[in-house]
N, C-alpha and C. Protein backbone atom coordinates (compact mmCIF):
# COMPACT_ATOMS: atom_id res chain seq x y z
N UNK A 1 0.66 3.02 7.77
CA UNK A 1 -0.74 2.65 7.70
C UNK A 1 -0.99 1.59 6.63
N UNK A 2 -0.27 1.67 5.52
CA UNK A 2 -0.46 0.70 4.44
C UNK A 2 -0.14 -0.71 4.91
N UNK A 3 0.85 -0.83 5.80
CA UNK A 3 1.21 -2.16 6.30
C UNK A 3 0.09 -2.75 7.15
N UNK A 4 -0.58 -1.93 7.93
CA UNK A 4 -1.70 -2.41 8.76
C UNK A 4 -2.85 -2.86 7.86
N UNK A 5 -3.13 -2.07 6.84
CA UNK A 5 -4.18 -2.42 5.88
C UNK A 5 -3.83 -3.72 5.17
N UNK A 6 -2.57 -3.86 4.78
CA UNK A 6 -2.13 -5.08 4.11
C UNK A 6 -2.24 -6.29 5.03
N UNK A 7 -1.88 -6.12 6.30
CA UNK A 7 -2.00 -7.21 7.26
C UNK A 7 -3.46 -7.64 7.41
N UNK A 8 -4.37 -6.67 7.49
CA UNK A 8 -5.80 -6.98 7.58
C UNK A 8 -6.27 -7.72 6.33
N UNK A 9 -5.77 -7.31 5.17
CA UNK A 9 -6.12 -8.00 3.92
C UNK A 9 -5.65 -9.44 3.96
N UNK A 10 -4.45 -9.66 4.50
CA UNK A 10 -3.93 -11.02 4.62
C UNK A 10 -4.76 -11.86 5.57
N UNK A 11 -5.18 -11.27 6.68
CA UNK A 11 -6.03 -12.02 7.61
C UNK A 11 -7.36 -12.39 6.98
N UNK A 12 -7.91 -11.47 6.19
CA UNK A 12 -9.16 -11.80 5.49
C UNK A 12 -8.95 -12.90 4.46
N UNK A 13 -7.74 -13.00 3.92
CA UNK A 13 -7.47 -14.11 3.00
C UNK A 13 -7.54 -15.44 3.75
N UNK A 14 -7.05 -15.45 4.98
CA UNK A 14 -7.16 -16.66 5.81
C UNK A 14 -8.62 -16.99 6.07
N UNK A 15 -9.42 -15.96 6.34
CA UNK A 15 -10.85 -16.16 6.60
C UNK A 15 -11.53 -16.78 5.39
N UNK A 16 -11.28 -16.21 4.20
CA UNK A 16 -11.99 -16.76 3.04
C UNK A 16 -11.50 -18.15 2.67
N UNK A 17 -10.23 -18.42 2.85
CA UNK A 17 -9.73 -19.77 2.55
C UNK A 17 -10.35 -20.79 3.50
N UNK A 18 -10.43 -20.43 4.76
CA UNK A 18 -11.02 -21.34 5.75
C UNK A 18 -12.51 -21.53 5.47
N UNK A 19 -13.21 -20.44 5.18
CA UNK A 19 -14.64 -20.54 4.89
C UNK A 19 -14.88 -21.35 3.61
N UNK A 20 -13.99 -21.20 2.63
CA UNK A 20 -14.16 -21.97 1.40
C UNK A 20 -14.04 -23.47 1.69
N UNK A 21 -13.10 -23.86 2.54
CA UNK A 21 -12.96 -25.26 2.92
C UNK A 21 -14.24 -25.74 3.60
N UNK A 22 -14.79 -24.89 4.49
CA UNK A 22 -16.01 -25.25 5.22
C UNK A 22 -17.25 -25.26 4.33
N UNK A 23 -17.18 -24.59 3.17
CA UNK A 23 -18.35 -24.54 2.28
C UNK A 23 -18.59 -25.86 1.56
N UNK A 24 -17.60 -26.75 1.63
CA UNK A 24 -17.70 -28.07 0.98
C UNK A 24 -18.04 -27.94 -0.50
N UNK A 25 -17.23 -27.15 -1.19
CA UNK A 25 -17.44 -26.97 -2.63
C UNK A 25 -18.56 -26.00 -2.96
N UNK A 26 -18.77 -25.02 -2.10
CA UNK A 26 -19.79 -23.99 -2.27
C UNK A 26 -21.21 -24.55 -2.22
N UNK A 27 -21.41 -25.63 -1.47
CA UNK A 27 -22.77 -26.16 -1.33
C UNK A 27 -23.42 -25.73 -0.01
N UNK A 28 -22.64 -25.23 0.93
CA UNK A 28 -23.18 -24.73 2.20
C UNK A 28 -23.27 -23.20 2.11
N UNK A 29 -24.48 -22.64 2.19
CA UNK A 29 -24.66 -21.22 1.93
C UNK A 29 -23.93 -20.29 2.90
N UNK A 30 -23.91 -20.58 4.19
CA UNK A 30 -23.26 -19.71 5.16
C UNK A 30 -21.77 -19.52 4.87
N UNK A 31 -21.00 -20.62 4.86
CA UNK A 31 -19.59 -20.49 4.55
C UNK A 31 -19.32 -19.94 3.14
N UNK A 32 -20.20 -20.22 2.20
CA UNK A 32 -20.04 -19.67 0.85
C UNK A 32 -20.16 -18.15 0.88
N UNK A 33 -21.15 -17.63 1.60
CA UNK A 33 -21.33 -16.18 1.71
C UNK A 33 -20.12 -15.54 2.40
N UNK A 34 -19.64 -16.16 3.48
CA UNK A 34 -18.46 -15.65 4.17
C UNK A 34 -17.26 -15.62 3.23
N UNK A 35 -17.10 -16.67 2.44
CA UNK A 35 -16.00 -16.73 1.47
C UNK A 35 -16.06 -15.54 0.52
N UNK A 36 -17.21 -15.30 -0.06
CA UNK A 36 -17.33 -14.24 -1.06
C UNK A 36 -17.12 -12.85 -0.46
N UNK A 37 -17.70 -12.60 0.71
CA UNK A 37 -17.54 -11.30 1.35
C UNK A 37 -16.09 -11.08 1.77
N UNK A 38 -15.48 -12.09 2.37
CA UNK A 38 -14.09 -11.96 2.81
C UNK A 38 -13.15 -11.79 1.61
N UNK A 39 -13.43 -12.49 0.51
CA UNK A 39 -12.61 -12.32 -0.71
C UNK A 39 -12.65 -10.87 -1.20
N UNK A 40 -13.85 -10.35 -1.33
CA UNK A 40 -14.00 -8.98 -1.81
C UNK A 40 -13.33 -7.98 -0.88
N UNK A 41 -13.52 -8.15 0.41
CA UNK A 41 -12.91 -7.23 1.38
C UNK A 41 -11.39 -7.35 1.35
N UNK A 42 -10.89 -8.57 1.23
CA UNK A 42 -9.44 -8.78 1.20
C UNK A 42 -8.80 -8.11 -0.01
N UNK A 43 -9.42 -8.28 -1.16
CA UNK A 43 -8.88 -7.66 -2.38
C UNK A 43 -9.00 -6.14 -2.32
N UNK A 44 -10.09 -5.65 -1.74
CA UNK A 44 -10.25 -4.19 -1.60
C UNK A 44 -9.17 -3.61 -0.70
N UNK A 45 -8.86 -4.28 0.39
CA UNK A 45 -7.81 -3.80 1.28
C UNK A 45 -6.44 -3.93 0.64
N UNK A 46 -6.22 -5.01 -0.11
CA UNK A 46 -4.96 -5.16 -0.84
C UNK A 46 -4.79 -3.99 -1.82
N UNK A 47 -5.85 -3.66 -2.51
CA UNK A 47 -5.82 -2.55 -3.46
C UNK A 47 -5.48 -1.24 -2.76
N UNK A 48 -6.06 -1.03 -1.60
CA UNK A 48 -5.78 0.20 -0.84
C UNK A 48 -4.31 0.24 -0.42
N UNK A 49 -3.78 -0.89 0.02
CA UNK A 49 -2.38 -0.94 0.44
C UNK A 49 -1.44 -0.68 -0.73
N UNK A 50 -1.85 -1.11 -1.92
CA UNK A 50 -1.02 -0.93 -3.11
C UNK A 50 -0.93 0.52 -3.57
N UNK A 51 -1.72 1.38 -2.97
CA UNK A 51 -1.60 2.80 -3.31
C UNK A 51 -0.23 3.34 -2.92
N UNK A 52 0.33 2.78 -1.85
CA UNK A 52 1.63 3.27 -1.40
C UNK A 52 2.72 2.21 -1.40
N UNK A 53 2.36 0.94 -1.31
CA UNK A 53 3.37 -0.12 -1.32
C UNK A 53 3.59 -0.63 -2.74
N UNK A 54 4.81 -1.05 -3.06
CA UNK A 54 5.07 -1.62 -4.39
C UNK A 54 4.25 -2.90 -4.62
N UNK A 55 3.90 -3.14 -5.86
CA UNK A 55 3.11 -4.31 -6.24
C UNK A 55 3.71 -5.61 -5.72
N UNK A 56 4.98 -5.85 -6.04
CA UNK A 56 5.61 -7.12 -5.66
C UNK A 56 5.63 -7.34 -4.16
N UNK A 57 5.92 -6.30 -3.42
CA UNK A 57 5.96 -6.40 -1.96
C UNK A 57 4.56 -6.68 -1.42
N UNK A 58 3.59 -5.88 -1.83
CA UNK A 58 2.23 -6.02 -1.32
C UNK A 58 1.66 -7.40 -1.65
N UNK A 59 1.82 -7.84 -2.88
CA UNK A 59 1.24 -9.12 -3.27
C UNK A 59 1.93 -10.28 -2.56
N UNK A 60 3.24 -10.22 -2.44
CA UNK A 60 3.96 -11.29 -1.76
C UNK A 60 3.57 -11.39 -0.29
N UNK A 61 3.47 -10.26 0.37
CA UNK A 61 3.10 -10.26 1.78
C UNK A 61 1.66 -10.74 1.95
N UNK A 62 0.77 -10.29 1.09
CA UNK A 62 -0.64 -10.70 1.15
C UNK A 62 -0.78 -12.21 1.00
N UNK A 63 -0.15 -12.76 -0.03
CA UNK A 63 -0.26 -14.20 -0.25
C UNK A 63 0.48 -14.98 0.84
N UNK A 64 1.59 -14.43 1.34
CA UNK A 64 2.33 -15.11 2.39
C UNK A 64 1.54 -15.20 3.68
N UNK A 65 0.90 -14.11 4.07
CA UNK A 65 0.05 -14.13 5.27
C UNK A 65 -1.07 -15.15 5.07
N UNK A 66 -1.68 -15.14 3.90
CA UNK A 66 -2.75 -16.09 3.62
C UNK A 66 -2.27 -17.53 3.66
N UNK A 67 -1.11 -17.79 3.08
CA UNK A 67 -0.58 -19.16 3.06
C UNK A 67 -0.23 -19.64 4.46
N UNK A 68 0.48 -18.81 5.22
CA UNK A 68 0.85 -19.21 6.58
C UNK A 68 -0.37 -19.34 7.47
N UNK A 69 -1.31 -18.42 7.34
CA UNK A 69 -2.52 -18.48 8.16
C UNK A 69 -3.37 -19.70 7.84
N UNK A 70 -3.52 -19.99 6.57
CA UNK A 70 -4.30 -21.17 6.17
C UNK A 70 -3.61 -22.45 6.62
N UNK A 71 -2.29 -22.47 6.52
CA UNK A 71 -1.52 -23.62 7.00
C UNK A 71 -1.75 -23.80 8.51
N UNK A 72 -1.66 -22.72 9.27
CA UNK A 72 -1.84 -22.79 10.72
C UNK A 72 -3.25 -23.26 11.08
N UNK A 73 -4.27 -22.72 10.41
CA UNK A 73 -5.65 -23.15 10.66
C UNK A 73 -5.80 -24.64 10.33
N UNK A 74 -5.22 -25.05 9.22
CA UNK A 74 -5.29 -26.46 8.83
C UNK A 74 -4.70 -27.37 9.89
N UNK A 75 -3.56 -26.98 10.41
CA UNK A 75 -2.88 -27.82 11.41
C UNK A 75 -3.60 -27.76 12.76
N UNK A 76 -3.86 -26.55 13.24
CA UNK A 76 -4.39 -26.38 14.60
C UNK A 76 -5.87 -26.73 14.70
N UNK A 77 -6.66 -26.29 13.73
CA UNK A 77 -8.12 -26.46 13.83
C UNK A 77 -8.60 -27.72 13.11
N UNK A 78 -8.05 -27.97 11.93
CA UNK A 78 -8.56 -29.08 11.11
C UNK A 78 -7.77 -30.38 11.26
N UNK A 79 -6.69 -30.35 12.05
CA UNK A 79 -5.94 -31.57 12.32
C UNK A 79 -5.09 -32.06 11.16
N UNK A 80 -4.71 -31.17 10.26
CA UNK A 80 -3.86 -31.57 9.14
C UNK A 80 -2.44 -31.83 9.63
N UNK A 81 -1.69 -32.60 8.87
CA UNK A 81 -0.33 -32.98 9.27
C UNK A 81 0.60 -31.76 9.32
N UNK A 82 1.51 -31.81 10.28
CA UNK A 82 2.52 -30.74 10.43
C UNK A 82 3.89 -31.39 10.55
N UNK A 83 4.28 -32.15 9.53
CA UNK A 83 5.57 -32.82 9.55
C UNK A 83 6.72 -31.85 9.43
N UNK A 84 7.93 -32.34 9.63
CA UNK A 84 9.11 -31.47 9.60
C UNK A 84 9.29 -30.70 8.29
N UNK A 85 9.03 -31.32 7.16
CA UNK A 85 9.21 -30.63 5.89
C UNK A 85 8.16 -29.53 5.69
N UNK A 86 6.94 -29.81 6.11
CA UNK A 86 5.89 -28.78 6.00
C UNK A 86 6.19 -27.60 6.92
N UNK A 87 6.67 -27.90 8.13
CA UNK A 87 7.04 -26.82 9.06
C UNK A 87 8.23 -26.03 8.53
N UNK A 88 9.18 -26.71 7.91
CA UNK A 88 10.33 -26.01 7.32
C UNK A 88 9.88 -25.11 6.18
N UNK A 89 8.95 -25.60 5.36
CA UNK A 89 8.44 -24.78 4.26
C UNK A 89 7.73 -23.54 4.80
N UNK A 90 6.94 -23.70 5.85
CA UNK A 90 6.26 -22.55 6.46
C UNK A 90 7.28 -21.57 7.03
N UNK A 91 8.34 -22.09 7.64
CA UNK A 91 9.39 -21.22 8.19
C UNK A 91 10.08 -20.43 7.08
N UNK A 92 10.28 -21.05 5.93
CA UNK A 92 10.90 -20.34 4.81
C UNK A 92 9.99 -19.22 4.29
N UNK A 93 8.69 -19.48 4.25
CA UNK A 93 7.75 -18.43 3.85
C UNK A 93 7.81 -17.27 4.84
N UNK A 94 7.81 -17.61 6.12
CA UNK A 94 7.89 -16.58 7.15
C UNK A 94 9.19 -15.77 7.04
N UNK A 95 10.29 -16.45 6.78
CA UNK A 95 11.57 -15.76 6.61
C UNK A 95 11.51 -14.83 5.40
N UNK A 96 10.90 -15.27 4.33
CA UNK A 96 10.75 -14.43 3.14
C UNK A 96 9.92 -13.20 3.42
N UNK A 97 8.85 -13.37 4.19
CA UNK A 97 8.02 -12.20 4.56
C UNK A 97 8.81 -11.22 5.41
N UNK A 98 9.57 -11.72 6.36
CA UNK A 98 10.37 -10.84 7.21
C UNK A 98 11.41 -10.09 6.39
N UNK A 99 12.06 -10.78 5.47
CA UNK A 99 13.05 -10.12 4.62
C UNK A 99 12.42 -9.06 3.72
N UNK A 100 11.24 -9.38 3.20
CA UNK A 100 10.55 -8.42 2.34
C UNK A 100 10.18 -7.17 3.14
N UNK A 101 9.68 -7.37 4.35
CA UNK A 101 9.34 -6.21 5.19
C UNK A 101 10.59 -5.40 5.53
N UNK A 102 11.68 -6.06 5.88
CA UNK A 102 12.92 -5.36 6.20
C UNK A 102 13.46 -4.60 4.99
N UNK A 103 13.24 -5.14 3.81
CA UNK A 103 13.75 -4.48 2.60
C UNK A 103 13.04 -3.16 2.34
N UNK A 104 11.86 -3.00 2.90
CA UNK A 104 11.09 -1.76 2.72
C UNK A 104 11.50 -0.70 3.73
N UNK A 105 12.23 -1.11 4.78
CA UNK A 105 12.69 -0.16 5.75
C UNK A 105 11.60 0.50 6.59
N UNK A 106 10.50 -0.17 6.79
CA UNK A 106 9.45 0.45 7.61
C UNK A 106 8.24 -0.31 7.48
């Protein structure tokens, strides 16, 4: 169950990062509100997951999901560049997340 909660926390990190970009420096109230609510919810879920998962594992997975998700949104939705080196870097993050999950054995 902790892994599901952690995954949800990571997805909310993608939401707040995307909303923060759309807030244009916190000058647009709608995206700013979404950013703040998603941040609080993401950290609350991360905290809940940390009740049973080790700190290093939980934090690494949380930030990794956020980084990969924000990268994907940037490329797919916002038209940011997806050159070979950037894709390789994202693949390395994904490999690190998979290894971290496998190291937990469940």
